[in-house]
Amino acid sequence: MRRRVTRLSLLVLLLVTVNGCAHALRSARVADLRGNPGRYQNHSVSIDGVVTNAFSVPLVPYAMYRVDDGTGEVIVLSQNHRTPTRGARVRVKGRVEDIAVLGGRAVGLHLREQSLYIKR
């Protein structure tokens, strides 16, 4: 009986650890993206924050908006026709991309939106 409890305890501990690691890899802060862009380059991350600015041009298939998570702002490039309004709380999942890296700093760092959830 004792051996069974030990195995069950180890299994639960392993599941909690793996779940915590997976959550840490999925979520990121904007400060982390800006501080270490190479780590996140071409990876999908989720950002929770507030939309500070949104803009689009008619007849252009892209829209952009800025999301501030409290540690900084990041531009989100969207091909979705629905852009969130200023002040909306959102959770954005997107692929981290940049235009270039000069002197270790990412130029044009942005997220290419994969999914958007607007919190009510």
N, C-alpha and C. Protein backbone atom coordinates (compact mmCIF):
# COMPACT_ATOMS: atom_id res chain seq x y z
N MET A 1 0.83 -1.18 0.00
CA MET A 1 0.00 0.00 0.00
C MET A 1 0.88 1.26 0.00
N ARG A 2 1.93 1.23 0.80
CA ARG A 2 2.82 2.39 0.90
C ARG A 2 3.52 2.65 -0.44
N ARG A 3 3.89 1.59 -1.13
CA ARG A 3 4.56 1.73 -2.41
C ARG A 3 3.62 2.38 -3.45
N ARG A 4 2.36 2.02 -3.40
CA ARG A 4 1.37 2.59 -4.31
C ARG A 4 1.18 4.09 -4.07
N VAL A 5 1.15 4.50 -2.82
CA VAL A 5 1.01 5.92 -2.47
C VAL A 5 2.24 6.70 -2.95
N THR A 6 3.42 6.12 -2.81
CA THR A 6 4.65 6.76 -3.25
C THR A 6 4.63 6.95 -4.77
N ARG A 7 4.23 5.94 -5.50
CA ARG A 7 4.15 6.06 -6.96
C ARG A 7 3.13 7.12 -7.37
N LEU A 8 2.01 7.12 -6.73
CA LEU A 8 0.98 8.12 -7.03
C LEU A 8 1.48 9.53 -6.72
N SER A 9 2.17 9.68 -5.62
CA SER A 9 2.73 11.00 -5.26
C SER A 9 3.74 11.47 -6.29
N LEU A 10 4.61 10.57 -6.74
CA LEU A 10 5.60 10.92 -7.75
C LEU A 10 4.93 11.29 -9.08
N LEU A 11 3.89 10.59 -9.44
CA LEU A 11 3.17 10.88 -10.67
C LEU A 11 2.52 12.26 -10.61
N VAL A 12 1.88 12.57 -9.51
CA VAL A 12 1.25 13.89 -9.34
C VAL A 12 2.30 14.99 -9.37
N LEU A 13 3.42 14.80 -8.71
CA LEU A 13 4.50 15.77 -8.71
C LEU A 13 5.04 16.00 -10.12
N LEU A 14 5.22 14.93 -10.86
CA LEU A 14 5.69 15.04 -12.24
C LEU A 14 4.70 15.80 -13.12
N LEU A 15 3.42 15.50 -12.98
CA LEU A 15 2.40 16.20 -13.77
C LEU A 15 2.34 17.68 -13.44
N VAL A 16 2.44 18.05 -12.19
CA VAL A 16 2.43 19.45 -11.79
C VAL A 16 3.66 20.18 -12.34
N THR A 17 4.81 19.54 -12.28
CA THR A 17 6.04 20.14 -12.79
C THR A 17 5.98 20.36 -14.29
N VAL A 18 5.54 19.36 -15.03
CA VAL A 18 5.44 19.47 -16.49
C VAL A 18 4.43 20.54 -16.88
N ASN A 19 3.30 20.59 -16.18
CA ASN A 19 2.30 21.61 -16.46
C ASN A 19 2.84 23.01 -16.20
N GLY A 20 3.57 23.19 -15.13
CA GLY A 20 4.17 24.49 -14.81
C GLY A 20 5.20 24.91 -15.85
N CYS A 21 6.00 23.99 -16.30
CA CYS A 21 7.00 24.30 -17.34
C CYS A 21 6.33 24.65 -18.66
N ALA A 22 5.30 23.92 -19.02
CA ALA A 22 4.60 24.20 -20.27
C ALA A 22 3.93 25.57 -20.22
N HIS A 23 3.35 25.92 -19.08
CA HIS A 23 2.72 27.23 -18.95
C HIS A 23 3.76 28.34 -19.03
N ALA A 24 4.91 28.14 -18.45
CA ALA A 24 5.96 29.15 -18.50
C ALA A 24 6.47 29.36 -19.92
N LEU A 25 6.50 28.32 -20.72
CA LEU A 25 6.96 28.45 -22.10
C LEU A 25 5.92 29.13 -22.98
N ARG A 26 4.65 28.97 -22.67
CA ARG A 26 3.59 29.56 -23.49
C ARG A 26 3.43 31.04 -23.21
N SER A 27 3.53 31.45 -21.96
CA SER A 27 3.30 32.83 -21.59
C SER A 27 4.64 33.57 -21.48
N ALA A 28 4.61 34.80 -21.88
CA ALA A 28 5.82 35.62 -21.80
C ALA A 28 5.41 37.05 -21.48
N ARG A 29 6.37 37.79 -20.97
CA ARG A 29 6.16 39.22 -20.75
C ARG A 29 6.85 39.96 -21.89
N VAL A 30 6.35 41.13 -22.18
CA VAL A 30 6.94 41.94 -23.25
C VAL A 30 8.39 42.25 -22.93
N ALA A 31 8.68 42.50 -21.66
CA ALA A 31 10.06 42.78 -21.26
C ALA A 31 10.97 41.59 -21.59
N ASP A 32 10.46 40.37 -21.43
CA ASP A 32 11.24 39.18 -21.79
C ASP A 32 11.49 39.13 -23.29
N LEU A 33 10.47 39.45 -24.07
CA LEU A 33 10.60 39.44 -25.54
C LEU A 33 11.65 40.45 -25.98
N ARG A 34 11.62 41.63 -25.41
CA ARG A 34 12.57 42.67 -25.78
C ARG A 34 13.97 42.38 -25.24
N GLY A 35 14.06 41.80 -24.06
CA GLY A 35 15.35 41.53 -23.44
C GLY A 35 16.10 40.37 -24.07
N ASN A 36 15.38 39.39 -24.56
CA ASN A 36 16.01 38.20 -25.15
C ASN A 36 15.22 37.76 -26.38
N PRO A 37 15.26 38.55 -27.46
CA PRO A 37 14.43 38.23 -28.63
C PRO A 37 14.81 36.92 -29.31
N GLY A 38 16.06 36.52 -29.25
CA GLY A 38 16.49 35.29 -29.89
C GLY A 38 15.85 34.06 -29.30
N ARG A 39 15.54 34.09 -28.03
CA ARG A 39 14.92 32.95 -27.36
C ARG A 39 13.50 32.70 -27.87
N TYR A 40 12.81 33.78 -28.21
CA TYR A 40 11.40 33.68 -28.60
C TYR A 40 11.20 33.75 -30.12
N GLN A 41 12.25 34.04 -30.88
CA GLN A 41 12.14 34.20 -32.33
C GLN A 41 11.47 32.98 -32.96
N ASN A 42 10.43 33.23 -33.75
CA ASN A 42 9.67 32.19 -34.47
C ASN A 42 8.99 31.19 -33.54
N HIS A 43 8.71 31.58 -32.30
CA HIS A 43 7.96 30.76 -31.36
C HIS A 43 6.63 31.46 -31.07
N SER A 44 5.63 30.68 -30.73
CA SER A 44 4.34 31.24 -30.34
C SER A 44 4.31 31.51 -28.85
N VAL A 45 3.82 32.69 -28.48
CA VAL A 45 3.69 33.08 -27.08
C VAL A 45 2.32 33.72 -26.88
N SER A 46 1.90 33.82 -25.64
CA SER A 46 0.66 34.51 -25.29
C SER A 46 1.00 35.72 -24.45
N ILE A 47 0.33 36.82 -24.73
CA ILE A 47 0.50 38.06 -23.99
C ILE A 47 -0.87 38.50 -23.49
N ASP A 48 -0.95 38.82 -22.20
CA ASP A 48 -2.16 39.40 -21.62
C ASP A 48 -1.90 40.87 -21.39
N GLY A 49 -2.82 41.73 -21.81
CA GLY A 49 -2.61 43.14 -21.58
C GLY A 49 -3.76 44.00 -22.06
N VAL A 50 -3.48 45.29 -22.16
CA VAL A 50 -4.46 46.29 -22.55
C VAL A 50 -4.05 46.89 -23.88
N VAL A 51 -5.00 47.05 -24.78
CA VAL A 51 -4.73 47.66 -26.08
C VAL A 51 -4.57 49.16 -25.88
N THR A 52 -3.42 49.69 -26.29
CA THR A 52 -3.16 51.12 -26.13
C THR A 52 -3.41 51.90 -27.40
N ASN A 53 -3.37 51.22 -28.54
CA ASN A 53 -3.58 51.89 -29.82
C ASN A 53 -3.92 50.84 -30.85
N ALA A 54 -4.84 51.16 -31.74
CA ALA A 54 -5.21 50.24 -32.82
C ALA A 54 -5.42 51.04 -34.09
N PHE A 55 -4.91 50.52 -35.19
CA PHE A 55 -5.09 51.23 -36.45
C PHE A 55 -5.08 50.26 -37.62
N SER A 56 -5.84 50.61 -38.64
CA SER A 56 -5.89 49.84 -39.87
C SER A 56 -6.19 50.79 -41.01
N VAL A 57 -5.91 50.35 -42.21
CA VAL A 57 -6.14 51.15 -43.40
C VAL A 57 -7.16 50.40 -44.26
N PRO A 58 -8.20 51.09 -44.73
CA PRO A 58 -9.18 50.41 -45.58
C PRO A 58 -8.52 49.80 -46.82
N LEU A 59 -9.02 48.66 -47.22
CA LEU A 59 -8.56 47.92 -48.40
C LEU A 59 -7.17 47.31 -48.25
N VAL A 60 -6.59 47.39 -47.08
CA VAL A 60 -5.31 46.74 -46.80
C VAL A 60 -5.62 45.55 -45.88
N PRO A 61 -5.12 44.38 -46.20
CA PRO A 61 -5.51 43.18 -45.44
C PRO A 61 -4.90 43.06 -44.04
N TYR A 62 -4.12 44.04 -43.60
CA TYR A 62 -3.50 43.97 -42.28
C TYR A 62 -4.00 45.07 -41.38
N ALA A 63 -4.02 44.79 -40.09
CA ALA A 63 -4.30 45.79 -39.07
C ALA A 63 -3.24 45.63 -37.99
N MET A 64 -2.97 46.69 -37.26
CA MET A 64 -1.98 46.63 -36.19
C MET A 64 -2.56 47.23 -34.92
N TYR A 65 -2.14 46.70 -33.81
CA TYR A 65 -2.50 47.29 -32.53
C TYR A 65 -1.37 47.02 -31.54
N ARG A 66 -1.31 47.88 -30.53
CA ARG A 66 -0.28 47.76 -29.49
C ARG A 66 -0.91 47.21 -28.22
N VAL A 67 -0.20 46.28 -27.60
CA VAL A 67 -0.66 45.69 -26.34
C VAL A 67 0.38 45.97 -25.27
N ASP A 68 -0.07 46.52 -24.14
CA ASP A 68 0.79 46.81 -22.99
C ASP A 68 0.44 45.83 -21.88
N ASP A 69 1.43 45.05 -21.44
CA ASP A 69 1.20 44.08 -20.36
C ASP A 69 1.72 44.56 -19.01
N GLY A 70 2.13 45.81 -18.94
CA GLY A 70 2.66 46.34 -17.69
C GLY A 70 4.18 46.36 -17.65
N THR A 71 4.82 45.58 -18.52
CA THR A 71 6.29 45.57 -18.59
C THR A 71 6.78 46.24 -19.86
N GLY A 72 5.87 46.55 -20.76
CA GLY A 72 6.21 47.19 -22.02
C GLY A 72 5.12 46.97 -23.05
N GLU A 73 5.33 47.52 -24.23
CA GLU A 73 4.36 47.40 -25.31
C GLU A 73 4.95 46.60 -26.47
N VAL A 74 4.08 45.88 -27.15
CA VAL A 74 4.48 45.15 -28.35
C VAL A 74 3.40 45.38 -29.41
N ILE A 75 3.85 45.47 -30.66
CA ILE A 75 2.92 45.62 -31.77
C ILE A 75 2.45 44.24 -32.20
N VAL A 76 1.16 44.14 -32.47
CA VAL A 76 0.57 42.90 -32.96
C VAL A 76 0.08 43.16 -34.38
N LEU A 77 0.53 42.33 -35.30
CA LEU A 77 0.12 42.41 -36.70
C LEU A 77 -0.97 41.38 -36.93
N SER A 78 -2.12 41.83 -37.41
CA SER A 78 -3.27 40.96 -37.55
C SER A 78 -3.78 40.95 -38.98
N GLN A 79 -4.20 39.79 -39.46
CA GLN A 79 -4.88 39.69 -40.73
C GLN A 79 -6.37 39.49 -40.52
N ASN A 80 -6.77 39.58 -39.28
CA ASN A 80 -8.17 39.46 -38.92
C ASN A 80 -8.86 40.80 -39.17
N HIS A 81 -10.08 40.77 -39.59
CA HIS A 81 -10.80 42.02 -39.83
C HIS A 81 -11.30 42.65 -38.53
N ARG A 82 -11.24 41.90 -37.45
CA ARG A 82 -11.71 42.40 -36.16
C ARG A 82 -10.50 42.84 -35.34
N THR A 83 -10.38 44.14 -35.10
CA THR A 83 -9.30 44.63 -34.24
C THR A 83 -9.92 45.12 -32.94
N PRO A 84 -9.25 44.89 -31.84
CA PRO A 84 -9.79 45.34 -30.55
C PRO A 84 -9.73 46.86 -30.44
N THR A 85 -10.62 47.41 -29.64
CA THR A 85 -10.64 48.85 -29.44
C THR A 85 -9.66 49.25 -28.35
N ARG A 86 -9.31 50.51 -28.34
CA ARG A 86 -8.39 51.05 -27.33
C ARG A 86 -8.98 50.85 -25.93
N GLY A 87 -8.15 50.35 -25.03
CA GLY A 87 -8.58 50.11 -23.65
C GLY A 87 -9.11 48.70 -23.40
N ALA A 88 -9.26 47.90 -24.44
CA ALA A 88 -9.76 46.53 -24.27
C ALA A 88 -8.69 45.64 -23.65
N ARG A 89 -9.11 44.79 -22.73
CA ARG A 89 -8.21 43.79 -22.15
C ARG A 89 -8.23 42.57 -23.06
N VAL A 90 -7.06 42.13 -23.48
CA VAL A 90 -6.97 41.04 -24.45
C VAL A 90 -5.94 39.99 -24.03
N ARG A 91 -6.09 38.84 -24.63
CA ARG A 91 -5.07 37.78 -24.56
C ARG A 91 -4.78 37.44 -26.01
N VAL A 92 -3.54 37.69 -26.42
CA VAL A 92 -3.13 37.48 -27.80
C VAL A 92 -2.12 36.35 -27.85
N LYS A 93 -2.36 35.41 -28.74
CA LYS A 93 -1.38 34.38 -29.01
C LYS A 93 -0.82 34.69 -30.38
N GLY A 94 0.49 34.72 -30.48
CA GLY A 94 1.09 35.04 -31.76
C GLY A 94 2.52 34.55 -31.87
N ARG A 95 3.00 34.59 -33.09
CA ARG A 95 4.37 34.18 -33.40
C ARG A 95 5.28 35.39 -33.33
N VAL A 96 6.37 35.28 -32.60
CA VAL A 96 7.32 36.39 -32.41
C VAL A 96 8.18 36.52 -33.66
N GLU A 97 8.19 37.71 -34.23
CA GLU A 97 8.99 37.98 -35.42
C GLU A 97 9.65 39.35 -35.27
N ASP A 98 10.68 39.57 -36.03
CA ASP A 98 11.29 40.89 -36.10
C ASP A 98 11.82 41.12 -37.51
N ILE A 99 12.16 42.35 -37.79
CA ILE A 99 12.68 42.68 -39.12
C ILE A 99 14.18 42.39 -39.17
N ALA A 100 14.90 42.76 -38.11
CA ALA A 100 16.34 42.53 -38.06
C ALA A 100 16.81 42.61 -36.62
N VAL A 101 18.03 42.13 -36.36
CA VAL A 101 18.67 42.26 -35.06
C VAL A 101 19.97 43.00 -35.28
N LEU A 102 20.08 44.17 -34.66
CA LEU A 102 21.28 45.00 -34.78
C LEU A 102 21.87 45.22 -33.40
N GLY A 103 23.09 44.81 -33.21
CA GLY A 103 23.76 44.98 -31.92
C GLY A 103 23.04 44.29 -30.78
N GLY A 104 22.40 43.16 -31.06
CA GLY A 104 21.70 42.41 -30.02
C GLY A 104 20.31 42.93 -29.72
N ARG A 105 19.88 43.98 -30.40
CA ARG A 105 18.54 44.53 -30.19
C ARG A 105 17.66 44.24 -31.39
N ALA A 106 16.45 43.79 -31.10
CA ALA A 106 15.50 43.46 -32.17
C ALA A 106 14.90 44.74 -32.73
N VAL A 107 14.94 44.86 -34.05
CA VAL A 107 14.35 46.00 -34.73
C VAL A 107 13.04 45.52 -35.36
N GLY A 108 11.97 46.21 -35.07
CA GLY A 108 10.69 45.81 -35.64
C GLY A 108 10.08 44.59 -34.98
N LEU A 109 10.35 44.38 -33.69
CA LEU A 109 9.82 43.23 -32.96
C LEU A 109 8.29 43.32 -32.93
N HIS A 110 7.62 42.24 -33.30
CA HIS A 110 6.16 42.23 -33.29
C HIS A 110 5.66 40.79 -33.16
N LEU A 111 4.37 40.67 -32.88
CA LEU A 111 3.70 39.37 -32.87
C LEU A 111 2.82 39.29 -34.10
N ARG A 112 2.86 38.17 -34.80
CA ARG A 112 1.91 37.91 -35.89
C ARG A 112 0.77 37.12 -35.26
N GLU A 113 -0.38 37.76 -35.15
CA GLU A 113 -1.52 37.20 -34.43
C GLU A 113 -1.96 35.85 -34.98
N GLN A 114 -2.13 34.90 -34.05
CA GLN A 114 -2.69 33.60 -34.38
C GLN A 114 -4.09 33.46 -33.80
N SER A 115 -4.29 34.03 -32.61
CA SER A 115 -5.61 34.04 -32.01
C SER A 115 -5.73 35.24 -31.08
N LEU A 116 -6.95 35.69 -30.91
CA LEU A 116 -7.24 36.87 -30.08
C LEU A 116 -8.45 36.57 -29.23
N TYR A 117 -8.33 36.84 -27.94
CA TYR A 117 -9.46 36.71 -27.02
C TYR A 117 -9.64 38.05 -26.33
N ILE A 118 -10.80 38.65 -26.51
CA ILE A 118 -11.10 39.93 -25.88
C ILE A 118 -11.86 39.65 -24.59
N LYS A 119 -11.29 40.07 -23.47
CA LYS A 119 -11.89 39.83 -22.17
C LYS A 119 -13.00 40.84 -21.92
N ARG A 120 -14.05 40.40 -21.34
CA ARG A 120 -15.20 41.27 -21.05
C ARG A 120 -15.22 41.63 -19.60
